[in-house]
Each structure stands twice: as structure tokens, then as C-alpha cells.
Amino acid sequence: RKRLEGRNQVEARLIGNDAGMERVRSLIAGLADSAADVLIHGETGTGKELVARCLHEASSRAKGNFVAINCGGLPETLFDSEIFGHEAGAYTGASKRRIGKIEYANGGTLFLDEIETMPIAMQIKLLRVLQERTLERLGSNITIPIDCRIVAATKEDLRALADQGRFRADLYYRLSVATVPLPPLRERREDIPLLFQHFVLQAAAR
């Protein structure tokens, strides 16, 4: 209980005394106010979105929006409209203008989970946004300046996928300027009692 109560903001979110978790917290502290886009790598359940939120909340962008997208949960037909937005009449059924997720994250952080599932055509468009820091809504010719930080997460080896032609190599290099590897729980078993106590207290509070 003393350990759980005596933590700072990041420690309160990312629980663990393991050396791997110490490295993760140190990386977050070092990257929080950097302008670099970040790639988080870890297995399912290691807390990739939690790390992305900590990066956002510890940065100067904390007052902006934190916008999370699960790339694996979006139908390919909706990807363009959801991420880049569209103008009224851009396609059948587009009755009014829609602000896309990237534009909504302006001034804040855009979190792209399961980035490895993003269709190749969308990867090309995302790469252009990262390079130019501008976007065009679907059905528009107006260029909109974008100022958001991109944090992507994956459980796959994107370098290997790029070598196999299943992921854009140029996008991989663009996203992996800074990387945060997350250790799986089986490598930090000494943290299990601390995590157990944390979740029991959460359940009791509910």
C-alpha cells in the first residue's frame, strides 16, 4: 500500500518495480516533450494505450485531445473518411462535412493502435501527412495544416513486415524515430502482487 500511495503521476498509471518498467517510465519522461513521433511495441495486454496516454498527459500537448483509433477495428471502406475526414457530397451518403480523427487531434496526440493492420493505401496517405504535416479531406482540395503528435502501437515486428512487403518501409522508419518496447508480464513476475493489489483496490472502489 505504501508503494502504491507514494508514486508520481506516471508511476500511478504504469505500475511495477521491474527494471523493464523503470526503463519504460524513463523513456516516457525523456520523450514526453519531444516533437518526435513514437512507436510502441508490445504484446497484447502489455499496456500500449496506457503508455500512449502517459506520453500525452506528460507532454505540453496535455490540454489538447487524445484521439485513439484501433486500426484493426475499422472497415477498410470507412478508413479514409474516419481518419482524414470528408466534405459534404464526397460520396453517396456523405450528407455533411465530417472532421477526421487526425484533424480532431490537432494540438494533441493521435494514437494509432494495431498500426500493422492499416491498409497499404492508407499508409501512403498517412506517410504524406507525417511528411507534410498537412491533410486534405476526402472530396476537398483545401490543404489543412496539422499539428499533432503521432503515437503508433504494434504487437508485430514492423521491420520484418516491411521486408515481406506487408508494411510500408518508409512509414516504419518515419514512425520509429523513437521506440518504446514494453516487457510482457511473464518477464516481470515480481510485479504481479503489486498489480493484484492495485486491481483489487480498483474493484473495491467500484
C-alpha atoms as a PDB file:
ATOM      1  CA  ARG A   1       0.000   0.000   0.000  1.00  0.00           C
ATOM      2  CA  LYS A   2       2.853   2.377   0.824  1.00  0.00           C
ATOM      3  CA  ARG A   3       4.402   1.699  -2.577  1.00  0.00           C
ATOM      4  CA  LEU A   4       1.111   2.295  -4.359  1.00  0.00           C
ATOM      5  CA  GLU A   5       0.440   5.551  -2.485  1.00  0.00           C
ATOM      6  CA  GLY A   6       3.921   7.023  -2.888  1.00  0.00           C
ATOM      7  CA  ARG A   7       4.006   7.182  -6.672  1.00  0.00           C
ATOM      8  CA  ASN A   8       4.188  10.066  -9.098  1.00  0.00           C
ATOM      9  CA  GLN A   9       1.672  10.515 -11.933  1.00  0.00           C
ATOM     10  CA  VAL A  10       3.367   8.149 -14.409  1.00  0.00           C
ATOM     11  CA  GLU A  11       4.132   5.565 -11.720  1.00  0.00           C
ATOM     12  CA  ALA A  12       0.481   5.699 -10.678  1.00  0.00           C
ATOM     13  CA  ARG A  13      -0.512   4.652 -14.201  1.00  0.00           C
ATOM     14  CA  LEU A  14       2.383   2.310 -15.061  1.00  0.00           C
ATOM     15  CA  ILE A  15       2.721   0.042 -12.059  1.00  0.00           C
ATOM     16  CA  GLY A  16       5.833  -2.041 -11.470  1.00  0.00           C
ATOM     17  CA  ASN A  17       9.275  -2.071  -9.875  1.00  0.00           C
ATOM     18  CA  ASP A  18      10.821  -4.284 -12.541  1.00  0.00           C
ATOM     19  CA  ALA A  19      13.843  -2.844 -14.388  1.00  0.00           C
ATOM     20  CA  GLY A  20      11.922  -3.076 -17.676  1.00  0.00           C
ATOM     21  CA  MET A  21       9.122  -0.862 -16.335  1.00  0.00           C
ATOM     22  CA  GLU A  22      11.687   1.574 -14.937  1.00  0.00           C
ATOM     23  CA  ARG A  23      13.096   1.870 -18.456  1.00  0.00           C
ATOM     24  CA  VAL A  24       9.602   2.480 -19.869  1.00  0.00           C
ATOM     25  CA  ARG A  25       8.945   5.273 -17.333  1.00  0.00           C
ATOM     26  CA  SER A  26      12.355   6.785 -18.068  1.00  0.00           C
ATOM     27  CA  LEU A  27      11.649   6.718 -21.821  1.00  0.00           C
ATOM     28  CA  ILE A  28       8.282   8.421 -21.276  1.00  0.00           C
ATOM     29  CA  ALA A  29       9.919  11.154 -19.183  1.00  0.00           C
ATOM     30  CA  GLY A  30      12.551  11.703 -21.872  1.00  0.00           C
ATOM     31  CA  LEU A  31      10.140  11.647 -24.820  1.00  0.00           C
ATOM     32  CA  ALA A  32       7.127  13.452 -23.336  1.00  0.00           C
ATOM     33  CA  ASP A  33       8.093  16.907 -24.559  1.00  0.00           C
ATOM     34  CA  SER A  34       9.929  15.756 -27.657  1.00  0.00           C
ATOM     35  CA  ALA A  35       8.327  16.507 -31.016  1.00  0.00           C
ATOM     36  CA  ALA A  36       9.259  13.036 -32.271  1.00  0.00           C
ATOM     37  CA  ASP A  37       6.547  10.584 -33.248  1.00  0.00           C
ATOM     38  CA  VAL A  38       6.716   7.379 -31.199  1.00  0.00           C
ATOM     39  CA  LEU A  39       6.301   3.670 -31.936  1.00  0.00           C
ATOM     40  CA  ILE A  40       5.248   1.470 -29.002  1.00  0.00           C
ATOM     41  CA  HIS A  41       5.946  -2.238 -29.357  1.00  0.00           C
ATOM     42  CA  GLY A  42       4.481  -4.876 -27.085  1.00  0.00           C
ATOM     43  CA  GLU A  43       2.354  -7.982 -26.892  1.00  0.00           C
ATOM     44  CA  THR A  44      -1.412  -7.842 -26.372  1.00  0.00           C
ATOM     45  CA  GLY A  45      -2.207  -6.687 -22.837  1.00  0.00           C
ATOM     46  CA  THR A  46       1.128  -5.016 -22.076  1.00  0.00           C
ATOM     47  CA  GLY A  47      -0.473  -1.549 -21.835  1.00  0.00           C
ATOM     48  CA  LYS A  48       0.326   0.144 -25.141  1.00  0.00           C
ATOM     49  CA  GLU A  49      -2.591   2.595 -24.993  1.00  0.00           C
ATOM     50  CA  LEU A  50      -1.787   3.364 -21.353  1.00  0.00           C
ATOM     51  CA  VAL A  51       1.773   4.287 -22.342  1.00  0.00           C
ATOM     52  CA  ALA A  52       0.431   6.476 -25.167  1.00  0.00           C
ATOM     53  CA  ARG A  53      -1.867   8.286 -22.714  1.00  0.00           C
ATOM     54  CA  CYS A  54       1.029   8.801 -20.300  1.00  0.00           C
ATOM     55  CA  LEU A  55       3.115  10.305 -23.119  1.00  0.00           C
ATOM     56  CA  HIS A  56       0.230  12.648 -23.936  1.00  0.00           C
ATOM     57  CA  GLU A  57      -0.519  13.641 -20.335  1.00  0.00           C
ATOM     58  CA  ALA A  58       3.153  14.286 -19.505  1.00  0.00           C
ATOM     59  CA  SER A  59       3.632  16.483 -22.589  1.00  0.00           C
ATOM     60  CA  SER A  60       2.885  20.120 -23.394  1.00  0.00           C
ATOM     61  CA  ARG A  61       0.015  18.781 -25.546  1.00  0.00           C
ATOM     62  CA  ALA A  62      -1.884  17.503 -22.493  1.00  0.00           C
ATOM     63  CA  LYS A  63      -4.619  20.144 -22.915  1.00  0.00           C
ATOM     64  CA  GLY A  64      -5.242  19.002 -26.498  1.00  0.00           C
ATOM     65  CA  ASN A  65      -7.292  15.976 -27.493  1.00  0.00           C
ATOM     66  CA  PHE A  66      -6.020  12.419 -27.117  1.00  0.00           C
ATOM     67  CA  VAL A  67      -7.608  10.599 -30.058  1.00  0.00           C
ATOM     68  CA  ALA A  68      -7.329   6.809 -30.192  1.00  0.00           C
ATOM     69  CA  ILE A  69      -8.034   4.688 -33.271  1.00  0.00           C
ATOM     70  CA  ASN A  70      -7.897   0.894 -33.405  1.00  0.00           C
ATOM     71  CA  CYS A  71      -6.785   0.355 -36.992  1.00  0.00           C
ATOM     72  CA  GLY A  72      -7.840  -3.292 -36.822  1.00  0.00           C
ATOM     73  CA  GLY A  73     -11.400  -2.366 -35.864  1.00  0.00           C
ATOM     74  CA  LEU A  74     -12.148  -0.083 -38.818  1.00  0.00           C
ATOM     75  CA  PRO A  75     -13.634  -1.451 -42.056  1.00  0.00           C
ATOM     76  CA  GLU A  76     -11.356  -0.574 -44.972  1.00  0.00           C
ATOM     77  CA  THR A  77     -14.209   1.276 -46.708  1.00  0.00           C
ATOM     78  CA  LEU A  78     -14.504   3.717 -43.768  1.00  0.00           C
ATOM     79  CA  PHE A  79     -10.793   4.245 -43.150  1.00  0.00           C
ATOM     80  CA  ASP A  80     -10.345   7.277 -45.392  1.00  0.00           C
ATOM     81  CA  SER A  81     -13.369   9.133 -44.045  1.00  0.00           C
ATOM     82  CA  GLU A  82     -12.704   8.268 -40.374  1.00  0.00           C
ATOM     83  CA  ILE A  83      -9.061   9.301 -40.357  1.00  0.00           C
ATOM     84  CA  PHE A  84      -8.909  12.110 -42.924  1.00  0.00           C
ATOM     85  CA  GLY A  85     -12.496  13.386 -42.825  1.00  0.00           C
ATOM     86  CA  HIS A  86     -14.739  14.275 -45.768  1.00  0.00           C
ATOM     87  CA  GLU A  87     -16.730  17.111 -47.284  1.00  0.00           C
ATOM     88  CA  ALA A  88     -20.490  17.017 -47.845  1.00  0.00           C
ATOM     89  CA  GLY A  89     -21.222  15.113 -51.046  1.00  0.00           C
ATOM     90  CA  ALA A  90     -17.770  13.484 -51.170  1.00  0.00           C
ATOM     91  CA  TYR A  91     -19.504  10.137 -51.691  1.00  0.00           C
ATOM     92  CA  THR A  92     -23.006   8.679 -51.565  1.00  0.00           C
ATOM     93  CA  GLY A  93     -24.351   9.117 -48.046  1.00  0.00           C
ATOM     94  CA  ALA A  94     -21.933  11.910 -47.072  1.00  0.00           C
ATOM     95  CA  SER A  95     -24.650  14.449 -46.319  1.00  0.00           C
ATOM     96  CA  LYS A  96     -22.488  16.787 -44.238  1.00  0.00           C
ATOM     97  CA  ARG A  97     -18.853  17.612 -43.571  1.00  0.00           C
ATOM     98  CA  ARG A  98     -17.017  15.324 -41.158  1.00  0.00           C
ATOM     99  CA  ILE A  99     -13.825  16.238 -39.301  1.00  0.00           C
ATOM    100  CA  GLY A 100     -11.432  13.275 -39.391  1.00  0.00           C
ATOM    101  CA  LYS A 101      -9.531  11.854 -36.420  1.00  0.00           C
ATOM    102  CA  ILE A 102      -6.221  13.439 -37.445  1.00  0.00           C
ATOM    103  CA  GLU A 103      -7.777  16.890 -37.665  1.00  0.00           C
ATOM    104  CA  TYR A 104      -9.611  16.364 -34.359  1.00  0.00           C
ATOM    105  CA  ALA A 105      -6.256  15.537 -32.732  1.00  0.00           C
ATOM    106  CA  ASN A 106      -4.806  18.909 -33.853  1.00  0.00           C
ATOM    107  CA  GLY A 107      -2.852  20.337 -30.922  1.00  0.00           C
ATOM    108  CA  GLY A 108      -2.924  16.964 -29.174  1.00  0.00           C
ATOM    109  CA  THR A 109      -1.984  13.336 -29.765  1.00  0.00           C
ATOM    110  CA  LEU A 110      -3.231  10.781 -32.297  1.00  0.00           C
ATOM    111  CA  PHE A 111      -2.847   7.181 -31.122  1.00  0.00           C
ATOM    112  CA  LEU A 112      -2.913   4.543 -33.873  1.00  0.00           C
ATOM    113  CA  ASP A 113      -3.277   1.093 -32.304  1.00  0.00           C
ATOM    114  CA  GLU A 114      -2.577  -2.064 -34.330  1.00  0.00           C
ATOM    115  CA  ILE A 115      -0.889   0.077 -36.991  1.00  0.00           C
ATOM    116  CA  GLU A 116       0.201  -3.124 -38.761  1.00  0.00           C
ATOM    117  CA  THR A 117      -3.430  -3.680 -39.873  1.00  0.00           C
ATOM    118  CA  MET A 118      -3.710  -0.325 -41.669  1.00  0.00           C
ATOM    119  CA  PRO A 119      -4.383  -0.816 -45.421  1.00  0.00           C
ATOM    120  CA  ILE A 120      -1.389  -0.006 -47.644  1.00  0.00           C
ATOM    121  CA  ALA A 121      -3.312   2.791 -49.448  1.00  0.00           C
ATOM    122  CA  MET A 122      -3.961   4.487 -46.090  1.00  0.00           C
ATOM    123  CA  GLN A 123      -0.332   4.003 -45.055  1.00  0.00           C
ATOM    124  CA  ILE A 124       0.703   6.028 -48.103  1.00  0.00           C
ATOM    125  CA  LYS A 125      -1.719   8.843 -47.192  1.00  0.00           C
ATOM    126  CA  LEU A 126      -0.614   8.779 -43.540  1.00  0.00           C
ATOM    127  CA  LEU A 127       3.031   8.996 -44.594  1.00  0.00           C
ATOM    128  CA  ARG A 128       2.257  12.126 -46.610  1.00  0.00           C
ATOM    129  CA  VAL A 129       0.544  13.706 -43.583  1.00  0.00           C
ATOM    130  CA  LEU A 130       3.595  12.897 -41.436  1.00  0.00           C
ATOM    131  CA  GLN A 131       5.966  14.392 -44.003  1.00  0.00           C
ATOM    132  CA  GLU A 132       3.981  17.486 -44.944  1.00  0.00           C
ATOM    133  CA  ARG A 133       2.039  17.994 -41.687  1.00  0.00           C
ATOM    134  CA  THR A 134      -0.995  18.835 -43.796  1.00  0.00           C
ATOM    135  CA  LEU A 135      -4.049  16.911 -45.000  1.00  0.00           C
ATOM    136  CA  GLU A 136      -6.944  17.210 -47.435  1.00  0.00           C
ATOM    137  CA  ARG A 137     -10.390  15.948 -46.503  1.00  0.00           C
ATOM    138  CA  LEU A 138     -11.981  13.461 -48.892  1.00  0.00           C
ATOM    139  CA  GLY A 139     -13.720  15.473 -51.630  1.00  0.00           C
ATOM    140  CA  SER A 140     -11.745  18.671 -50.916  1.00  0.00           C
ATOM    141  CA  ASN A 141      -8.755  20.427 -52.484  1.00  0.00           C
ATOM    142  CA  ILE A 142      -8.115  22.629 -49.450  1.00  0.00           C
ATOM    143  CA  THR A 143      -4.905  21.865 -47.556  1.00  0.00           C
ATOM    144  CA  ILE A 144      -5.303  21.927 -43.767  1.00  0.00           C
ATOM    145  CA  PRO A 145      -2.183  22.361 -41.559  1.00  0.00           C
ATOM    146  CA  ILE A 146      -1.881  19.683 -38.880  1.00  0.00           C
ATOM    147  CA  ASP A 147      -0.012  19.912 -35.586  1.00  0.00           C
ATOM    148  CA  CYS A 148      -0.469  16.643 -33.737  1.00  0.00           C
ATOM    149  CA  ARG A 149       1.874  14.040 -32.397  1.00  0.00           C
ATOM    150  CA  ILE A 150       1.522  10.533 -33.800  1.00  0.00           C
ATOM    151  CA  VAL A 151       1.942   7.633 -31.392  1.00  0.00           C
ATOM    152  CA  ALA A 152       1.584   4.233 -33.076  1.00  0.00           C
ATOM    153  CA  ALA A 153       1.446   0.816 -31.418  1.00  0.00           C
ATOM    154  CA  THR A 154       2.009  -2.686 -32.725  1.00  0.00           C
ATOM    155  CA  LYS A 155       2.429  -6.235 -31.480  1.00  0.00           C
ATOM    156  CA  GLU A 156       4.196  -7.225 -34.721  1.00  0.00           C
ATOM    157  CA  ASP A 157       7.754  -6.744 -35.957  1.00  0.00           C
ATOM    158  CA  LEU A 158       7.107  -3.932 -38.466  1.00  0.00           C
ATOM    159  CA  ARG A 159      10.634  -4.184 -39.868  1.00  0.00           C
ATOM    160  CA  ALA A 160      10.008  -7.851 -40.745  1.00  0.00           C
ATOM    161  CA  LEU A 161       6.600  -6.980 -42.233  1.00  0.00           C
ATOM    162  CA  ALA A 162       8.257  -4.242 -44.309  1.00  0.00           C
ATOM    163  CA  ASP A 163      10.830  -6.762 -45.599  1.00  0.00           C
ATOM    164  CA  GLN A 164       7.920  -9.019 -46.610  1.00  0.00           C
ATOM    165  CA  GLY A 165       6.174  -6.135 -48.422  1.00  0.00           C
ATOM    166  CA  ARG A 166       3.236  -6.179 -45.966  1.00  0.00           C
ATOM    167  CA  PHE A 167       4.027  -2.774 -44.437  1.00  0.00           C
ATOM    168  CA  ARG A 168       5.478   0.400 -45.939  1.00  0.00           C
ATOM    169  CA  ALA A 169       9.190   0.545 -45.050  1.00  0.00           C
ATOM    170  CA  ASP A 170       9.236   4.345 -45.357  1.00  0.00           C
ATOM    171  CA  LEU A 171       6.320   4.640 -42.903  1.00  0.00           C
ATOM    172  CA  TYR A 172       8.054   2.259 -40.495  1.00  0.00           C
ATOM    173  CA  TYR A 173      11.218   4.394 -40.495  1.00  0.00           C
ATOM    174  CA  ARG A 174       9.157   7.551 -40.093  1.00  0.00           C
ATOM    175  CA  LEU A 175       7.258   6.169 -37.084  1.00  0.00           C
ATOM    176  CA  SER A 176      10.198   4.512 -35.357  1.00  0.00           C
ATOM    177  CA  VAL A 177      12.250   7.674 -34.738  1.00  0.00           C
ATOM    178  CA  ALA A 178      11.603   6.904 -31.060  1.00  0.00           C
ATOM    179  CA  THR A 179      10.525   3.462 -29.856  1.00  0.00           C
ATOM    180  CA  VAL A 180       9.177   2.233 -26.514  1.00  0.00           C
ATOM    181  CA  PRO A 181       9.403  -1.560 -26.046  1.00  0.00           C
ATOM    182  CA  LEU A 182       7.042  -2.960 -23.394  1.00  0.00           C
ATOM    183  CA  PRO A 183       8.005  -6.066 -21.391  1.00  0.00           C
ATOM    184  CA  PRO A 184       5.402  -8.858 -21.111  1.00  0.00           C
ATOM    185  CA  LEU A 185       4.169  -9.767 -17.631  1.00  0.00           C
ATOM    186  CA  ARG A 186       5.963 -13.146 -17.717  1.00  0.00           C
ATOM    187  CA  GLU A 187       9.255 -11.197 -17.690  1.00  0.00           C
ATOM    188  CA  ARG A 188       8.238  -9.134 -14.634  1.00  0.00           C
ATOM    189  CA  ARG A 189       6.585 -11.668 -12.344  1.00  0.00           C
ATOM    190  CA  GLU A 190       7.711  -9.820  -9.212  1.00  0.00           C
ATOM    191  CA  ASP A 191       5.232  -7.062 -10.176  1.00  0.00           C
ATOM    192  CA  ILE A 192       2.214  -9.405 -10.033  1.00  0.00           C
ATOM    193  CA  PRO A 193       1.449  -8.834  -6.283  1.00  0.00           C
ATOM    194  CA  LEU A 194       1.606  -5.042  -6.803  1.00  0.00           C
ATOM    195  CA  LEU A 195      -0.703  -5.224  -9.837  1.00  0.00           C
ATOM    196  CA  PHE A 196      -3.044  -7.589  -7.980  1.00  0.00           C
ATOM    197  CA  GLN A 197      -3.289  -5.135  -5.066  1.00  0.00           C
ATOM    198  CA  HIS A 198      -3.933  -2.239  -7.491  1.00  0.00           C
ATOM    199  CA  PHE A 199      -6.787  -4.021  -9.303  1.00  0.00           C
ATOM    200  CA  VAL A 200      -8.330  -5.272  -6.045  1.00  0.00           C
ATOM    201  CA  LEU A 201      -8.405  -1.687  -4.710  1.00  0.00           C
ATOM    202  CA  GLN A 202      -9.952  -0.515  -8.000  1.00  0.00           C
ATOM    203  CA  ALA A 203     -12.626  -3.200  -7.780  1.00  0.00           C
ATOM    204  CA  ALA A 204     -13.314  -2.353  -4.128  1.00  0.00           C
ATOM    205  CA  ALA A 205     -13.713   1.350  -5.001  1.00  0.00           C
ATOM    206  CA  ARG A 206     -16.247   0.466  -7.708  1.00  0.00           C
END
